[in-house]
Amino acid sequence: MPADDLTVKPDFVFEEEIEFNTIVSRFENGTEQRRSQWANPRRRFKLEFRNRPSSDLAAVRALFVSKKGALGSFFWTNPNDSVQYAVRFETDGLSSKNKAFGIYDFELSLLEVK
């Protein structure tokens, strides 16, 4: 049975992005009105896993399949701030590169869900 959250630790350095959703309305006289669509920012994480054993890849694949790619959410603890985030896979695809017998490279993009 697959795990319900991502426990495989990524390599350092990984990317973290914070984004807001601002709606901009432009008027005929050239002025703008801006308003926030979200009360809080959303985070995106790009994680890299290099030279990993097949067991790490198998754990991530099992989670990916159980969540049906980008459909389901799960929890991930950010090693930088030790905060647990509710996230989902950003895309419906997961690829890996077999570098040697039982050694793999793969990447993930996670999107915070509210």
N, C-alpha and C. Protein backbone atom coordinates (compact mmCIF):
# COMPACT_ATOMS: atom_id res chain seq x y z
N MET A 1 0.84 -1.18 0.00
CA MET A 1 0.00 0.00 0.00
C MET A 1 0.89 1.25 0.00
N PRO A 2 0.65 2.20 -0.91
CA PRO A 2 1.51 3.38 -1.00
C PRO A 2 1.30 4.34 0.18
N ALA A 3 2.33 5.11 0.46
CA ALA A 3 2.25 6.11 1.52
C ALA A 3 1.31 7.24 1.10
N ASP A 4 0.78 7.95 2.09
CA ASP A 4 -0.11 9.06 1.81
C ASP A 4 0.62 10.40 1.76
N ASP A 5 1.91 10.41 1.97
CA ASP A 5 2.66 11.65 1.84
C ASP A 5 4.07 11.35 1.32
N LEU A 6 4.74 12.40 0.87
CA LEU A 6 6.07 12.27 0.28
C LEU A 6 7.11 12.33 1.38
N THR A 7 7.83 11.23 1.58
CA THR A 7 8.83 11.18 2.64
C THR A 7 10.26 11.11 2.12
N VAL A 8 10.44 10.88 0.81
CA VAL A 8 11.78 10.83 0.23
C VAL A 8 12.33 12.25 0.20
N LYS A 9 13.50 12.46 0.80
CA LYS A 9 14.08 13.79 0.89
C LYS A 9 14.74 14.19 -0.43
N PRO A 10 14.50 15.42 -0.90
CA PRO A 10 15.13 15.89 -2.14
C PRO A 10 16.57 16.29 -1.90
N ASP A 11 17.30 16.45 -3.01
CA ASP A 11 18.66 16.98 -2.93
C ASP A 11 18.58 18.48 -2.65
N PHE A 12 19.65 19.00 -2.10
CA PHE A 12 19.79 20.45 -1.99
C PHE A 12 20.68 20.87 -3.14
N VAL A 13 20.45 21.88 -3.80
CA VAL A 13 19.49 22.94 -3.61
C VAL A 13 18.24 22.60 -4.40
N PHE A 14 17.05 22.96 -3.87
CA PHE A 14 15.83 22.85 -4.65
C PHE A 14 15.19 24.24 -4.72
N GLU A 15 14.31 24.40 -5.70
CA GLU A 15 13.69 25.70 -5.93
C GLU A 15 12.38 25.83 -5.17
N GLU A 16 12.16 27.02 -4.64
CA GLU A 16 10.90 27.35 -3.96
C GLU A 16 10.43 28.70 -4.50
N GLU A 17 9.19 28.76 -4.92
CA GLU A 17 8.62 29.97 -5.49
C GLU A 17 7.35 30.32 -4.71
N ILE A 18 7.16 31.60 -4.43
CA ILE A 18 5.93 32.07 -3.79
C ILE A 18 5.21 32.94 -4.81
N GLU A 19 3.92 32.68 -5.00
CA GLU A 19 3.17 33.46 -5.98
C GLU A 19 1.85 33.94 -5.42
N PHE A 20 1.42 35.10 -5.90
CA PHE A 20 0.12 35.66 -5.62
C PHE A 20 -0.68 35.70 -6.91
N ASN A 21 -1.97 35.90 -6.82
CA ASN A 21 -2.81 36.03 -8.00
C ASN A 21 -3.50 37.39 -7.93
N THR A 22 -2.97 38.36 -8.67
CA THR A 22 -3.49 39.71 -8.68
C THR A 22 -4.27 39.95 -9.96
N ILE A 23 -5.49 40.44 -9.81
CA ILE A 23 -6.33 40.77 -10.97
C ILE A 23 -6.12 42.25 -11.29
N VAL A 24 -5.77 42.56 -12.53
CA VAL A 24 -5.55 43.93 -12.95
C VAL A 24 -6.64 44.31 -13.95
N SER A 25 -7.41 45.36 -13.61
CA SER A 25 -8.43 45.89 -14.53
C SER A 25 -7.93 47.21 -15.06
N ARG A 26 -7.81 47.32 -16.38
CA ARG A 26 -7.35 48.56 -17.01
C ARG A 26 -8.55 49.30 -17.59
N PHE A 27 -8.58 50.60 -17.34
CA PHE A 27 -9.68 51.41 -17.79
C PHE A 27 -9.27 52.25 -19.00
N GLU A 28 -10.26 52.79 -19.71
CA GLU A 28 -10.00 53.55 -20.93
C GLU A 28 -9.13 54.77 -20.69
N ASN A 29 -9.21 55.37 -19.51
CA ASN A 29 -8.41 56.57 -19.23
C ASN A 29 -6.98 56.26 -18.81
N GLY A 30 -6.59 54.96 -18.83
CA GLY A 30 -5.22 54.55 -18.53
C GLY A 30 -4.98 54.16 -17.09
N THR A 31 -5.96 54.35 -16.22
CA THR A 31 -5.77 53.95 -14.82
C THR A 31 -6.00 52.45 -14.67
N GLU A 32 -5.52 51.94 -13.56
CA GLU A 32 -5.67 50.52 -13.26
C GLU A 32 -6.27 50.33 -11.88
N GLN A 33 -6.99 49.26 -11.74
CA GLN A 33 -7.46 48.83 -10.43
C GLN A 33 -6.87 47.44 -10.19
N ARG A 34 -6.27 47.23 -9.04
CA ARG A 34 -5.66 45.94 -8.71
C ARG A 34 -6.32 45.37 -7.47
N ARG A 35 -6.56 44.07 -7.52
CA ARG A 35 -7.11 43.39 -6.35
C ARG A 35 -6.57 41.97 -6.31
N SER A 36 -6.43 41.50 -5.10
CA SER A 36 -5.87 40.17 -4.90
C SER A 36 -6.99 39.14 -4.94
N GLN A 37 -6.75 38.08 -5.69
CA GLN A 37 -7.74 37.00 -5.74
C GLN A 37 -7.55 36.01 -4.60
N TRP A 38 -6.34 35.94 -4.04
CA TRP A 38 -6.04 35.03 -2.94
C TRP A 38 -5.69 35.82 -1.70
N ALA A 39 -6.13 35.34 -0.55
CA ALA A 39 -5.77 35.98 0.72
C ALA A 39 -4.33 35.65 1.10
N ASN A 40 -3.86 34.46 0.73
CA ASN A 40 -2.52 34.01 1.08
C ASN A 40 -1.78 33.56 -0.17
N PRO A 41 -0.46 33.65 -0.16
CA PRO A 41 0.30 33.19 -1.33
C PRO A 41 0.27 31.67 -1.47
N ARG A 42 0.61 31.21 -2.65
CA ARG A 42 0.73 29.77 -2.91
C ARG A 42 2.20 29.49 -3.25
N ARG A 43 2.67 28.33 -2.82
CA ARG A 43 4.07 27.97 -3.05
C ARG A 43 4.17 26.87 -4.11
N ARG A 44 5.28 26.91 -4.82
CA ARG A 44 5.62 25.89 -5.81
C ARG A 44 7.03 25.43 -5.47
N PHE A 45 7.22 24.12 -5.49
CA PHE A 45 8.52 23.54 -5.16
C PHE A 45 8.99 22.69 -6.33
N LYS A 46 10.23 22.89 -6.75
CA LYS A 46 10.85 22.06 -7.79
C LYS A 46 11.96 21.27 -7.11
N LEU A 47 11.75 19.96 -7.02
CA LEU A 47 12.67 19.08 -6.29
C LEU A 47 13.47 18.23 -7.25
N GLU A 48 14.74 18.03 -6.94
CA GLU A 48 15.61 17.16 -7.73
C GLU A 48 16.08 16.00 -6.86
N PHE A 49 16.16 14.85 -7.49
CA PHE A 49 16.65 13.63 -6.84
C PHE A 49 17.71 13.05 -7.76
N ARG A 50 18.96 13.03 -7.33
CA ARG A 50 20.08 12.57 -8.16
C ARG A 50 20.74 11.36 -7.52
N ASN A 51 21.12 10.40 -8.37
CA ASN A 51 21.83 9.20 -7.93
C ASN A 51 21.09 8.48 -6.81
N ARG A 52 19.82 8.24 -7.03
CA ARG A 52 18.97 7.62 -6.03
C ARG A 52 18.77 6.14 -6.31
N PRO A 53 18.63 5.35 -5.24
CA PRO A 53 18.38 3.91 -5.43
C PRO A 53 16.96 3.69 -5.96
N SER A 54 16.76 2.50 -6.51
CA SER A 54 15.44 2.18 -7.07
C SER A 54 14.34 2.24 -6.02
N SER A 55 14.67 2.04 -4.75
CA SER A 55 13.65 2.11 -3.69
C SER A 55 13.06 3.52 -3.55
N ASP A 56 13.90 4.56 -3.71
CA ASP A 56 13.39 5.94 -3.67
C ASP A 56 12.45 6.20 -4.84
N LEU A 57 12.86 5.78 -6.03
CA LEU A 57 12.02 5.96 -7.21
C LEU A 57 10.72 5.19 -7.06
N ALA A 58 10.78 3.97 -6.55
CA ALA A 58 9.58 3.15 -6.37
C ALA A 58 8.61 3.82 -5.39
N ALA A 59 9.11 4.43 -4.33
CA ALA A 59 8.25 5.11 -3.35
C ALA A 59 7.56 6.32 -3.98
N VAL A 60 8.31 7.10 -4.76
CA VAL A 60 7.72 8.27 -5.41
C VAL A 60 6.72 7.84 -6.48
N ARG A 61 7.06 6.81 -7.24
CA ARG A 61 6.12 6.31 -8.26
C ARG A 61 4.83 5.80 -7.64
N ALA A 62 4.94 5.08 -6.53
CA ALA A 62 3.75 4.56 -5.86
C ALA A 62 2.84 5.70 -5.40
N LEU A 63 3.43 6.76 -4.86
CA LEU A 63 2.65 7.92 -4.45
C LEU A 63 2.01 8.59 -5.67
N PHE A 64 2.80 8.75 -6.73
CA PHE A 64 2.31 9.39 -7.95
C PHE A 64 1.12 8.63 -8.53
N VAL A 65 1.22 7.32 -8.58
CA VAL A 65 0.14 6.49 -9.12
C VAL A 65 -1.08 6.53 -8.19
N SER A 66 -0.86 6.46 -6.88
CA SER A 66 -1.98 6.46 -5.94
C SER A 66 -2.75 7.78 -5.97
N LYS A 67 -2.06 8.88 -6.26
CA LYS A 67 -2.71 10.19 -6.33
C LYS A 67 -3.20 10.52 -7.73
N LYS A 68 -2.98 9.58 -8.68
CA LYS A 68 -3.37 9.77 -10.08
C LYS A 68 -2.77 11.05 -10.65
N GLY A 69 -1.45 11.17 -10.47
CA GLY A 69 -0.74 12.34 -10.97
C GLY A 69 -1.15 13.60 -10.22
N ALA A 70 -1.58 14.61 -10.97
CA ALA A 70 -1.92 15.91 -10.40
C ALA A 70 -3.30 15.96 -9.75
N LEU A 71 -4.01 14.85 -9.73
CA LEU A 71 -5.38 14.85 -9.21
C LEU A 71 -5.45 14.97 -7.69
N GLY A 72 -4.75 14.11 -6.99
CA GLY A 72 -4.88 14.05 -5.53
C GLY A 72 -3.81 14.83 -4.79
N SER A 73 -4.14 15.27 -3.59
CA SER A 73 -3.17 16.00 -2.78
C SER A 73 -2.58 15.09 -1.69
N PHE A 74 -1.48 15.54 -1.12
CA PHE A 74 -0.79 14.81 -0.07
C PHE A 74 0.03 15.80 0.73
N PHE A 75 0.74 15.34 1.73
CA PHE A 75 1.55 16.22 2.56
C PHE A 75 3.04 16.03 2.27
N TRP A 76 3.76 17.13 2.34
CA TRP A 76 5.22 17.13 2.18
C TRP A 76 5.80 18.13 3.17
N THR A 77 6.84 17.71 3.89
CA THR A 77 7.52 18.58 4.84
C THR A 77 8.75 19.19 4.18
N ASN A 78 8.76 20.51 4.12
CA ASN A 78 9.86 21.25 3.52
C ASN A 78 11.06 21.19 4.47
N PRO A 79 12.19 20.63 4.03
CA PRO A 79 13.35 20.53 4.93
C PRO A 79 13.98 21.88 5.27
N ASN A 80 13.66 22.94 4.51
CA ASN A 80 14.22 24.26 4.81
C ASN A 80 13.57 24.90 6.03
N ASP A 81 12.24 24.76 6.16
CA ASP A 81 11.55 25.41 7.27
C ASP A 81 10.80 24.44 8.19
N SER A 82 10.87 23.14 7.90
CA SER A 82 10.21 22.08 8.68
C SER A 82 8.69 22.25 8.76
N VAL A 83 8.12 22.98 7.79
CA VAL A 83 6.67 23.17 7.72
C VAL A 83 6.09 22.11 6.80
N GLN A 84 4.97 21.52 7.23
CA GLN A 84 4.29 20.52 6.41
C GLN A 84 3.26 21.24 5.52
N TYR A 85 3.38 21.04 4.21
CA TYR A 85 2.49 21.68 3.24
C TYR A 85 1.59 20.63 2.60
N ALA A 86 0.33 21.02 2.35
CA ALA A 86 -0.56 20.21 1.52
C ALA A 86 -0.21 20.57 0.08
N VAL A 87 0.17 19.57 -0.71
CA VAL A 87 0.63 19.80 -2.08
C VAL A 87 0.01 18.76 -3.01
N ARG A 88 0.20 19.00 -4.30
CA ARG A 88 -0.13 18.02 -5.33
C ARG A 88 0.97 18.08 -6.37
N PHE A 89 1.08 17.03 -7.18
CA PHE A 89 2.01 17.07 -8.29
C PHE A 89 1.52 18.11 -9.28
N GLU A 90 2.43 18.90 -9.84
CA GLU A 90 2.01 19.97 -10.75
C GLU A 90 1.55 19.43 -12.10
N THR A 91 2.12 18.30 -12.51
CA THR A 91 1.76 17.74 -13.81
C THR A 91 1.32 16.28 -13.66
N ASP A 92 0.79 15.75 -14.74
CA ASP A 92 0.35 14.35 -14.76
C ASP A 92 1.43 13.41 -15.28
N GLY A 93 2.65 13.89 -15.42
CA GLY A 93 3.74 13.05 -15.92
C GLY A 93 4.88 12.95 -14.92
N LEU A 94 5.50 11.78 -14.87
CA LEU A 94 6.67 11.55 -14.02
C LEU A 94 7.66 10.73 -14.83
N SER A 95 8.84 11.28 -15.05
CA SER A 95 9.85 10.54 -15.80
C SER A 95 11.11 10.40 -14.94
N SER A 96 11.90 9.39 -15.30
CA SER A 96 13.14 9.14 -14.58
C SER A 96 14.22 8.76 -15.58
N LYS A 97 15.46 8.90 -15.14
CA LYS A 97 16.61 8.55 -15.98
C LYS A 97 17.41 7.48 -15.26
N ASN A 98 17.60 6.33 -15.90
CA ASN A 98 18.38 5.24 -15.32
C ASN A 98 19.84 5.49 -15.66
N LYS A 99 20.66 5.84 -14.65
CA LYS A 99 22.06 6.20 -14.86
C LYS A 99 23.01 5.01 -14.78
N ALA A 100 22.64 4.04 -13.97
CA ALA A 100 23.43 2.83 -13.79
C ALA A 100 22.47 1.79 -13.22
N PHE A 101 22.95 0.58 -13.04
CA PHE A 101 22.07 -0.45 -12.52
C PHE A 101 21.53 -0.04 -11.15
N GLY A 102 20.22 0.19 -11.06
CA GLY A 102 19.58 0.54 -9.80
C GLY A 102 19.79 1.96 -9.33
N ILE A 103 20.33 2.84 -10.18
CA ILE A 103 20.59 4.24 -9.80
C ILE A 103 19.82 5.14 -10.76
N TYR A 104 19.06 6.10 -10.20
CA TYR A 104 18.16 6.92 -11.01
C TYR A 104 18.27 8.40 -10.67
N ASP A 105 17.92 9.23 -11.65
CA ASP A 105 17.70 10.66 -11.47
C ASP A 105 16.25 10.93 -11.83
N PHE A 106 15.59 11.80 -11.05
CA PHE A 106 14.24 12.25 -11.39
C PHE A 106 13.96 13.58 -10.72
N GLU A 107 12.94 14.28 -11.21
CA GLU A 107 12.56 15.59 -10.71
C GLU A 107 11.06 15.64 -10.50
N LEU A 108 10.63 16.49 -9.56
CA LEU A 108 9.22 16.69 -9.27
C LEU A 108 8.93 18.18 -9.14
N SER A 109 7.76 18.58 -9.54
CA SER A 109 7.25 19.91 -9.25
C SER A 109 5.99 19.74 -8.41
N LEU A 110 5.98 20.36 -7.24
CA LEU A 110 4.85 20.28 -6.34
C LEU A 110 4.21 21.67 -6.22
N LEU A 111 2.89 21.69 -6.15
CA LEU A 111 2.13 22.92 -6.06
C LEU A 111 1.32 22.88 -4.77
N GLU A 112 1.43 23.91 -3.95
CA GLU A 112 0.67 23.97 -2.71
C GLU A 112 -0.82 24.10 -3.01
N VAL A 113 -1.62 23.39 -2.25
CA VAL A 113 -3.07 23.49 -2.39
C VAL A 113 -3.64 24.08 -1.11
N LYS A 114 -4.71 24.81 -1.23
CA LYS A 114 -5.35 25.47 -0.07
C LYS A 114 -6.65 24.80 0.25
